[in-house]
C-alpha atoms as a PDB file:
ATOM      1  CA  MET A   1      91.931 129.072  91.457  1.00  0.00           C
ATOM      2  CA  ALA A   2      94.268 125.944  91.768  1.00  0.00           C
ATOM      3  CA  SER A   3      97.901 126.493  91.456  1.00  0.00           C
ATOM      4  CA  ALA A   4      99.835 124.865  88.678  1.00  0.00           C
ATOM      5  CA  PRO A   5     101.724 121.698  89.433  1.00  0.00           C
ATOM      6  CA  ILE A   6     105.438 121.558  90.015  1.00  0.00           C
ATOM      7  CA  SER A   7     107.579 118.974  88.472  1.00  0.00           C
ATOM      8  CA  PRO A   8     107.763 116.170  89.333  1.00  0.00           C
ATOM      9  CA  VAL A   9     104.431 114.761  90.103  1.00  0.00           C
ATOM     10  CA  THR A  10     104.408 111.235  91.674  1.00  0.00           C
ATOM     11  CA  PHE A  11     101.556 108.824  92.210  1.00  0.00           C
ATOM     12  CA  SER A  12     102.178 105.799  94.510  1.00  0.00           C
ATOM     13  CA  PHE A  13     100.033 102.775  95.333  1.00  0.00           C
ATOM     14  CA  ALA A  14     100.437  99.993  97.765  1.00  0.00           C
ATOM     15  CA  ASP A  15      99.043  96.462  97.476  1.00  0.00           C
ATOM     16  CA  TYR A  16      97.715  94.574 100.555  1.00  0.00           C
ATOM     17  CA  GLN A  17     101.280  93.856 101.763  1.00  0.00           C
ATOM     18  CA  ARG A  18     102.443  97.491 101.404  1.00  0.00           C
ATOM     19  CA  ASN A  19     104.520  96.724  98.345  1.00  0.00           C
ATOM     20  CA  THR A  20     104.407  99.687  95.938  1.00  0.00           C
ATOM     21  CA  ILE A  21     104.233 100.803  92.470  1.00  0.00           C
ATOM     22  CA  ALA A  22     104.678 104.395  91.290  1.00  0.00           C
ATOM     23  CA  VAL A  23     104.701 106.681  88.342  1.00  0.00           C
ATOM     24  CA  THR A  24     106.492 109.995  88.249  1.00  0.00           C
ATOM     25  CA  LEU A  25     105.664 112.564  85.683  1.00  0.00           C
ATOM     26  CA  ASN A  26     108.406 115.000  84.737  1.00  0.00           C
ATOM     27  CA  PHE A  27     107.593 117.980  82.827  1.00  0.00           C
ATOM     28  CA  ASN A  28     108.556 121.565  81.986  1.00  0.00           C
ATOM     29  CA  ASN A  29     107.309 124.044  84.720  1.00  0.00           C
ATOM     30  CA  ALA A  30     106.827 126.752  82.397  1.00  0.00           C
ATOM     31  CA  THR A  31     104.895 124.962  79.592  1.00  0.00           C
ATOM     32  CA  LEU A  32     103.701 121.845  81.583  1.00  0.00           C
ATOM     33  CA  VAL A  33     104.767 119.736  78.583  1.00  0.00           C
ATOM     34  CA  LEU A  34     105.700 116.214  79.735  1.00  0.00           C
ATOM     35  CA  THR A  35     109.500 115.424  79.237  1.00  0.00           C
ATOM     36  CA  SER A  36     109.764 111.827  80.691  1.00  0.00           C
ATOM     37  CA  VAL A  37     108.034 109.230  82.853  1.00  0.00           C
ATOM     38  CA  THR A  38     109.478 107.028  85.492  1.00  0.00           C
ATOM     39  CA  THR A  39     107.845 103.884  86.967  1.00  0.00           C
ATOM     40  CA  THR A  40     109.042 102.139  90.034  1.00  0.00           C
ATOM     41  CA  ARG A  41     107.732  98.769  91.344  1.00  0.00           C
ATOM     42  CA  THR A  42     108.911  96.493  94.262  1.00  0.00           C
ATOM     43  CA  ALA A  43     109.428  93.144  92.933  1.00  0.00           C
ATOM     44  CA  ALA A  44     106.858  91.564  95.312  1.00  0.00           C
ATOM     45  CA  CYS A  45     104.119  94.154  94.371  1.00  0.00           C
ATOM     46  CA  VAL A  46     101.042  92.332  93.031  1.00  0.00           C
ATOM     47  CA  TYR A  47     100.186  95.476  90.888  1.00  0.00           C
ATOM     48  CA  HIS A  48     101.813  95.306  87.427  1.00  0.00           C
ATOM     49  CA  ASN A  49      99.691  98.051  85.701  1.00  0.00           C
ATOM     50  CA  ILE A  50      98.955 101.648  85.876  1.00  0.00           C
ATOM     51  CA  TYR A  51      95.645 102.751  84.512  1.00  0.00           C
ATOM     52  CA  PHE A  52      94.812 106.331  83.328  1.00  0.00           C
ATOM     53  CA  GLY A  53      91.138 107.019  83.373  1.00  0.00           C
ATOM     54  CA  LEU A  54      88.394 104.553  83.109  1.00  0.00           C
ATOM     55  CA  GLY A  55      87.199 102.004  80.379  1.00  0.00           C
ATOM     56  CA  ALA A  56      83.877 102.254  78.554  1.00  0.00           C
ATOM     57  CA  ASN A  57      82.308 100.267  81.394  1.00  0.00           C
ATOM     58  CA  GLY A  58      83.526 102.648  84.069  1.00  0.00           C
ATOM     59  CA  ILE A  59      86.286 100.269  85.336  1.00  0.00           C
ATOM     60  CA  PRO A  60      89.799 101.499  85.516  1.00  0.00           C
ATOM     61  CA  ASP A  61      91.214  97.812  84.652  1.00  0.00           C
ATOM     62  CA  THR A  62      89.671  98.192  81.169  1.00  0.00           C
ATOM     63  CA  SER A  63      91.034 101.688  80.304  1.00  0.00           C
ATOM     64  CA  SER A  64      92.725 101.850  76.887  1.00  0.00           C
ATOM     65  CA  LYS A  65      95.209 104.250  78.495  1.00  0.00           C
ATOM     66  CA  ALA A  66      97.612 102.041  80.664  1.00  0.00           C
ATOM     67  CA  PHE A  67     101.161 101.153  81.229  1.00  0.00           C
ATOM     68  CA  GLY A  68     100.908  97.487  81.321  1.00  0.00           C
ATOM     69  CA  GLY A  69     103.583  95.010  82.676  1.00  0.00           C
ATOM     70  CA  VAL A  70     105.545  97.640  84.860  1.00  0.00           C
ATOM     71  CA  PRO A  71     108.762  95.852  85.428  1.00  0.00           C
ATOM     72  CA  ALA A  72     110.322  95.637  89.005  1.00  0.00           C
ATOM     73  CA  GLY A  73     112.735  98.258  89.766  1.00  0.00           C
ATOM     74  CA  THR A  74     112.900 101.646  87.878  1.00  0.00           C
ATOM     75  CA  ALA A  75     112.312 102.296  84.347  1.00  0.00           C
ATOM     76  CA  THR A  76     112.181 105.562  82.580  1.00  0.00           C
ATOM     77  CA  ALA A  77     110.313 106.275  79.301  1.00  0.00           C
ATOM     78  CA  SER A  78     110.152 109.234  76.998  1.00  0.00           C
ATOM     79  CA  ALA A  79     107.215 111.577  76.857  1.00  0.00           C
ATOM     80  CA  ALA A  80     106.408 109.912  73.480  1.00  0.00           C
ATOM     81  CA  LEU A  81     104.832 106.899  75.408  1.00  0.00           C
ATOM     82  CA  LEU A  82     102.385 109.179  77.214  1.00  0.00           C
ATOM     83  CA  ALA A  83     101.741 111.075  73.922  1.00  0.00           C
ATOM     84  CA  SER A  84     100.840 107.769  72.267  1.00  0.00           C
ATOM     85  CA  LEU A  85      98.113 107.540  75.016  1.00  0.00           C
ATOM     86  CA  GLY A  86      96.952 111.129  74.224  1.00  0.00           C
ATOM     87  CA  PHE A  87      98.693 112.846  77.013  1.00  0.00           C
ATOM     88  CA  SER A  88     100.906 115.879  76.031  1.00  0.00           C
ATOM     89  CA  THR A  89     100.926 117.942  79.120  1.00  0.00           C
ATOM     90  CA  VAL A  90     100.766 117.120  82.801  1.00  0.00           C
ATOM     91  CA  THR A  91      97.315 118.626  83.065  1.00  0.00           C
ATOM     92  CA  ASP A  92      96.097 116.159  80.493  1.00  0.00           C
ATOM     93  CA  VAL A  93      97.235 113.359  82.671  1.00  0.00           C
ATOM     94  CA  LEU A  94      95.854 115.098  85.921  1.00  0.00           C
ATOM     95  CA  SER A  95      92.477 115.591  84.354  1.00  0.00           C
ATOM     96  CA  GLY A  96      91.522 111.915  84.856  1.00  0.00           C
ATOM     97  CA  GLN A  97      91.863 109.253  87.381  1.00  0.00           C
ATOM     98  CA  ILE A  98      95.080 107.320  87.985  1.00  0.00           C
ATOM     99  CA  THR A  99      94.795 103.839  89.416  1.00  0.00           C
ATOM    100  CA  ALA A 100      97.152 100.790  89.750  1.00  0.00           C
ATOM    101  CA  GLY A 101      95.889  97.172  89.477  1.00  0.00           C
ATOM    102  CA  PRO A 102      97.015  93.611  88.709  1.00  0.00           C
END
C-alpha cells in the first residue's frame, strides 16, 4: 500500500540549458485538500506552461488542464485555480501525468 503524500509536493522540470520551471502543491495533510499552488520559473527557461494529464490526442501540450504563461519568478495561486481544472485534492493531481513545455 502506498503511503499518503506529505505537503508540499513539488514537480520541477529543466529545459535543455538546465533552466527550471516548477509547481508546488500545498495541501492539508489530514484531508489532502489543496490549499494553494506555487509556481517558480527562471527567466531564461524556455518552458512557460505546466500541463496536467493529456489532451484527447494523447499529447500533454494539448491538455485542457494547464497553467499557461507561467511568469518568471515565483507566483502563488489559491486552490480555486486547481479546482477550476477539476482538482480538489492532491491525489486528484497525482493521479495523472504532470509535464512542462513551451
